[in-house]
């Protein structure tokens, strides 16, 4: 009997799973695993909920360049603050 791997799951299951996870953490974790996951995030039409209230400047810059700029049409419910200029 062959073991089932996480990569064997259908994309629809990942869409369901990612709805319950923080998008940015999921992006960071899964995009480094396999090309399939990089494509999944790049080609997804699912909305992205932003909560960048308490992230460092370097993390914000990473997310801005890699997620926000390429996907402005997917941004939903942005929660931002700017502790760098207060």
N, C-alpha and C. Protein backbone atom coordinates (compact mmCIF):
# COMPACT_ATOMS: atom_id res chain seq x y z
N UNK A 1 0.83 -1.17 0.00
CA UNK A 1 0.00 0.00 0.00
C UNK A 1 0.89 1.25 0.00
N UNK A 2 0.62 2.17 -0.91
CA UNK A 2 1.42 3.38 -1.05
C UNK A 2 0.90 4.45 -0.08
N UNK A 3 1.82 5.16 0.55
CA UNK A 3 1.44 6.21 1.50
C UNK A 3 1.01 7.46 0.74
N UNK A 4 -0.01 8.11 1.25
CA UNK A 4 -0.47 9.37 0.67
C UNK A 4 0.36 10.50 1.25
N UNK A 5 0.76 11.42 0.38
CA UNK A 5 1.55 12.57 0.80
C UNK A 5 0.68 13.82 0.71
N UNK A 6 1.08 14.85 1.40
CA UNK A 6 0.31 16.09 1.37
C UNK A 6 0.21 16.64 -0.05
N UNK A 7 1.23 16.40 -0.85
CA UNK A 7 1.23 16.87 -2.24
C UNK A 7 0.16 16.19 -3.07
N UNK A 8 -0.35 15.05 -2.61
CA UNK A 8 -1.36 14.31 -3.35
C UNK A 8 -2.77 14.89 -3.20
N UNK A 9 -2.95 15.78 -2.24
CA UNK A 9 -4.28 16.36 -2.01
C UNK A 9 -4.65 17.31 -3.14
N UNK A 10 -5.93 17.39 -3.42
CA UNK A 10 -6.44 18.28 -4.47
C UNK A 10 -6.31 19.74 -4.05
N UNK A 11 -6.17 20.62 -5.02
CA UNK A 11 -6.07 22.06 -4.73
C UNK A 11 -7.27 22.57 -3.94
N UNK A 12 -8.44 22.04 -4.20
CA UNK A 12 -9.65 22.49 -3.49
C UNK A 12 -9.51 22.29 -1.98
N UNK A 13 -8.84 21.23 -1.58
CA UNK A 13 -8.64 20.99 -0.15
C UNK A 13 -7.70 22.04 0.42
N UNK A 14 -6.66 22.40 -0.34
CA UNK A 14 -5.75 23.45 0.13
C UNK A 14 -6.46 24.79 0.22
N UNK A 15 -7.34 25.09 -0.72
CA UNK A 15 -8.11 26.34 -0.64
C UNK A 15 -8.89 26.38 0.67
N UNK A 16 -9.50 25.28 1.04
CA UNK A 16 -10.26 25.21 2.29
C UNK A 16 -9.34 25.37 3.50
N UNK A 17 -8.22 24.71 3.49
CA UNK A 17 -7.27 24.79 4.61
C UNK A 17 -6.75 26.21 4.77
N UNK A 18 -6.36 26.83 3.66
CA UNK A 18 -5.76 28.17 3.72
C UNK A 18 -6.74 29.24 4.16
N UNK A 19 -8.04 28.99 4.03
CA UNK A 19 -9.03 29.94 4.52
C UNK A 19 -8.95 30.11 6.03
N UNK A 20 -8.48 29.09 6.72
CA UNK A 20 -8.42 29.11 8.18
C UNK A 20 -7.05 29.53 8.70
N UNK A 21 -6.08 29.69 7.82
CA UNK A 21 -4.73 30.05 8.23
C UNK A 21 -4.41 31.48 7.86
N UNK A 22 -3.46 32.04 8.54
CA UNK A 22 -2.95 33.36 8.20
C UNK A 22 -2.30 33.27 6.83
N UNK A 23 -2.73 34.12 5.89
CA UNK A 23 -2.25 34.05 4.51
C UNK A 23 -0.74 34.20 4.44
N UNK A 24 -0.20 35.15 5.15
CA UNK A 24 1.23 35.44 5.05
C UNK A 24 2.08 34.30 5.59
N UNK A 25 1.66 33.73 6.69
CA UNK A 25 2.39 32.59 7.23
C UNK A 25 2.30 31.39 6.28
N UNK A 26 1.15 31.17 5.72
CA UNK A 26 0.99 30.08 4.75
C UNK A 26 1.88 30.31 3.54
N UNK A 27 1.92 31.54 3.07
CA UNK A 27 2.75 31.89 1.92
C UNK A 27 4.22 31.60 2.22
N UNK A 28 4.67 32.06 3.38
CA UNK A 28 6.07 31.85 3.76
C UNK A 28 6.42 30.37 3.88
N UNK A 29 5.55 29.61 4.47
CA UNK A 29 5.82 28.19 4.71
C UNK A 29 5.75 27.38 3.42
N UNK A 30 4.67 27.54 2.67
CA UNK A 30 4.41 26.64 1.56
C UNK A 30 5.12 27.01 0.26
N UNK A 31 5.40 28.28 0.03
CA UNK A 31 6.03 28.64 -1.25
C UNK A 31 7.46 28.14 -1.36
N UNK A 32 8.07 27.81 -0.25
CA UNK A 32 9.43 27.29 -0.30
C UNK A 32 9.48 25.76 -0.46
N UNK A 33 8.34 25.11 -0.45
CA UNK A 33 8.32 23.65 -0.52
C UNK A 33 8.41 23.11 -1.94
N UNK A 34 7.49 23.48 -2.77
CA UNK A 34 7.42 22.93 -4.13
C UNK A 34 6.88 23.97 -5.08
N UNK A 35 7.19 23.80 -6.35
CA UNK A 35 6.69 24.71 -7.38
C UNK A 35 5.16 24.74 -7.41
N UNK A 36 4.54 23.63 -7.12
CA UNK A 36 3.07 23.58 -7.11
C UNK A 36 2.49 24.60 -6.15
N UNK A 37 3.10 24.74 -4.97
CA UNK A 37 2.58 25.68 -3.99
C UNK A 37 2.88 27.13 -4.40
N UNK A 38 4.03 27.37 -5.01
CA UNK A 38 4.32 28.71 -5.52
C UNK A 38 3.27 29.09 -6.57
N UNK A 39 2.96 28.16 -7.45
CA UNK A 39 1.93 28.41 -8.46
C UNK A 39 0.56 28.59 -7.83
N UNK A 40 0.30 27.81 -6.81
CA UNK A 40 -0.98 27.91 -6.11
C UNK A 40 -1.21 29.33 -5.59
N UNK A 41 -0.21 29.89 -4.93
CA UNK A 41 -0.36 31.25 -4.40
C UNK A 41 -0.35 32.30 -5.51
N UNK A 42 0.48 32.09 -6.52
CA UNK A 42 0.57 33.05 -7.61
C UNK A 42 -0.70 33.10 -8.45
N UNK A 43 -1.35 31.96 -8.64
CA UNK A 43 -2.51 31.89 -9.53
C UNK A 43 -3.85 31.88 -8.81
N UNK A 44 -3.82 31.93 -7.51
CA UNK A 44 -5.06 31.89 -6.74
C UNK A 44 -5.87 33.15 -6.96
N UNK A 45 -7.18 33.02 -6.92
CA UNK A 45 -8.07 34.17 -6.99
C UNK A 45 -8.74 34.43 -5.65
N UNK A 46 -8.36 33.67 -4.65
CA UNK A 46 -8.93 33.84 -3.31
C UNK A 46 -8.55 35.19 -2.74
N UNK A 47 -9.46 35.81 -2.00
CA UNK A 47 -9.13 37.10 -1.38
C UNK A 47 -8.05 36.95 -0.32
N UNK A 48 -7.27 38.01 -0.15
CA UNK A 48 -6.22 38.04 0.86
C UNK A 48 -6.64 39.03 1.94
N UNK A 49 -6.74 38.54 3.16
CA UNK A 49 -7.06 39.40 4.30
C UNK A 49 -5.75 39.85 4.93
N UNK A 50 -5.58 41.15 5.03
CA UNK A 50 -4.33 41.69 5.55
C UNK A 50 -4.46 42.07 7.01
N UNK A 51 -3.50 41.66 7.80
CA UNK A 51 -3.38 42.13 9.18
C UNK A 51 -1.90 42.35 9.43
N UNK A 52 -1.46 43.55 9.12
CA UNK A 52 -0.04 43.89 9.25
C UNK A 52 0.18 44.92 10.34
N UNK A 53 -0.56 44.82 11.41
CA UNK A 53 -0.48 45.80 12.49
C UNK A 53 0.80 45.70 13.29
N UNK A 54 1.32 44.51 13.46
CA UNK A 54 2.47 44.38 14.36
C UNK A 54 3.58 43.54 13.72
N UNK A 55 3.97 43.91 12.53
CA UNK A 55 5.08 43.22 11.88
C UNK A 55 6.25 44.19 11.76
N UNK A 56 7.41 43.64 11.66
CA UNK A 56 8.60 44.47 11.53
C UNK A 56 8.64 45.12 10.15
N UNK A 57 9.46 46.11 10.02
CA UNK A 57 9.59 46.81 8.74
C UNK A 57 10.08 45.86 7.64
N UNK A 58 11.03 44.99 7.95
CA UNK A 58 11.55 44.07 6.93
C UNK A 58 10.48 43.08 6.49
N UNK A 59 9.67 42.58 7.41
CA UNK A 59 8.60 41.66 7.05
C UNK A 59 7.54 42.39 6.23
N UNK A 60 7.19 43.60 6.65
CA UNK A 60 6.23 44.38 5.88
C UNK A 60 6.74 44.60 4.46
N UNK A 61 7.99 44.95 4.30
CA UNK A 61 8.57 45.18 2.97
C UNK A 61 8.51 43.91 2.13
N UNK A 62 8.83 42.77 2.73
CA UNK A 62 8.74 41.49 2.02
C UNK A 62 7.32 41.24 1.53
N UNK A 63 6.34 41.38 2.41
CA UNK A 63 4.95 41.15 2.04
C UNK A 63 4.49 42.15 0.99
N UNK A 64 4.90 43.39 1.14
CA UNK A 64 4.51 44.42 0.19
C UNK A 64 5.00 44.07 -1.22
N UNK A 65 6.25 43.72 -1.33
CA UNK A 65 6.84 43.42 -2.64
C UNK A 65 6.33 42.11 -3.25
N UNK A 66 6.15 41.10 -2.41
CA UNK A 66 5.84 39.76 -2.92
C UNK A 66 4.36 39.41 -2.95
N UNK A 67 3.55 40.11 -2.18
CA UNK A 67 2.14 39.74 -2.11
C UNK A 67 1.23 40.91 -2.46
N UNK A 68 1.43 42.05 -1.84
CA UNK A 68 0.52 43.17 -2.04
C UNK A 68 0.62 43.75 -3.45
N UNK A 69 1.83 44.09 -3.89
CA UNK A 69 2.00 44.70 -5.21
C UNK A 69 1.52 43.77 -6.34
N UNK A 70 1.87 42.49 -6.34
CA UNK A 70 1.40 41.64 -7.43
C UNK A 70 -0.09 41.29 -7.37
N UNK A 71 -0.74 41.52 -6.23
CA UNK A 71 -2.13 41.07 -6.05
C UNK A 71 -3.07 42.14 -5.50
N UNK A 72 -3.04 43.35 -5.98
CA UNK A 72 -3.91 44.38 -5.38
C UNK A 72 -5.40 44.05 -5.53
N UNK A 73 -5.76 43.34 -6.57
CA UNK A 73 -7.15 42.97 -6.81
C UNK A 73 -7.68 41.94 -5.81
N UNK A 74 -6.78 41.30 -5.07
CA UNK A 74 -7.18 40.27 -4.12
C UNK A 74 -7.21 40.75 -2.68
N UNK A 75 -6.76 41.96 -2.43
CA UNK A 75 -6.66 42.47 -1.06
C UNK A 75 -8.06 42.74 -0.52
N UNK A 76 -8.32 42.20 0.66
CA UNK A 76 -9.60 42.35 1.32
C UNK A 76 -9.35 42.62 2.80
N UNK A 77 -10.10 43.49 3.38
CA UNK A 77 -10.02 43.79 4.81
C UNK A 77 -8.61 44.17 5.25
N UNK A 78 -8.04 45.23 4.71
CA UNK A 78 -6.68 45.60 5.13
C UNK A 78 -6.67 46.21 6.54
N UNK A 79 -5.78 45.74 7.35
CA UNK A 79 -5.55 46.28 8.69
C UNK A 79 -4.07 46.63 8.77
N UNK A 80 -3.79 47.91 8.66
CA UNK A 80 -2.41 48.37 8.64
C UNK A 80 -2.18 49.39 9.74
N UNK A 81 -0.95 49.50 10.15
CA UNK A 81 -0.53 50.59 11.02
C UNK A 81 0.90 50.91 10.63
N UNK A 82 1.35 52.06 11.04
CA UNK A 82 2.69 52.46 10.66
C UNK A 82 3.48 52.88 11.90
N UNK A 83 4.01 51.91 12.63
CA UNK A 83 4.76 52.23 13.84
C UNK A 83 6.11 52.86 13.54
N UNK A 84 6.52 52.87 12.28
CA UNK A 84 7.83 53.39 11.92
C UNK A 84 7.88 54.91 11.94
N UNK A 85 6.71 55.55 11.84
CA UNK A 85 6.67 57.00 11.76
C UNK A 85 5.87 57.63 12.88
N UNK A 86 5.66 56.93 13.98
CA UNK A 86 4.88 57.50 15.08
C UNK A 86 5.78 58.12 16.11
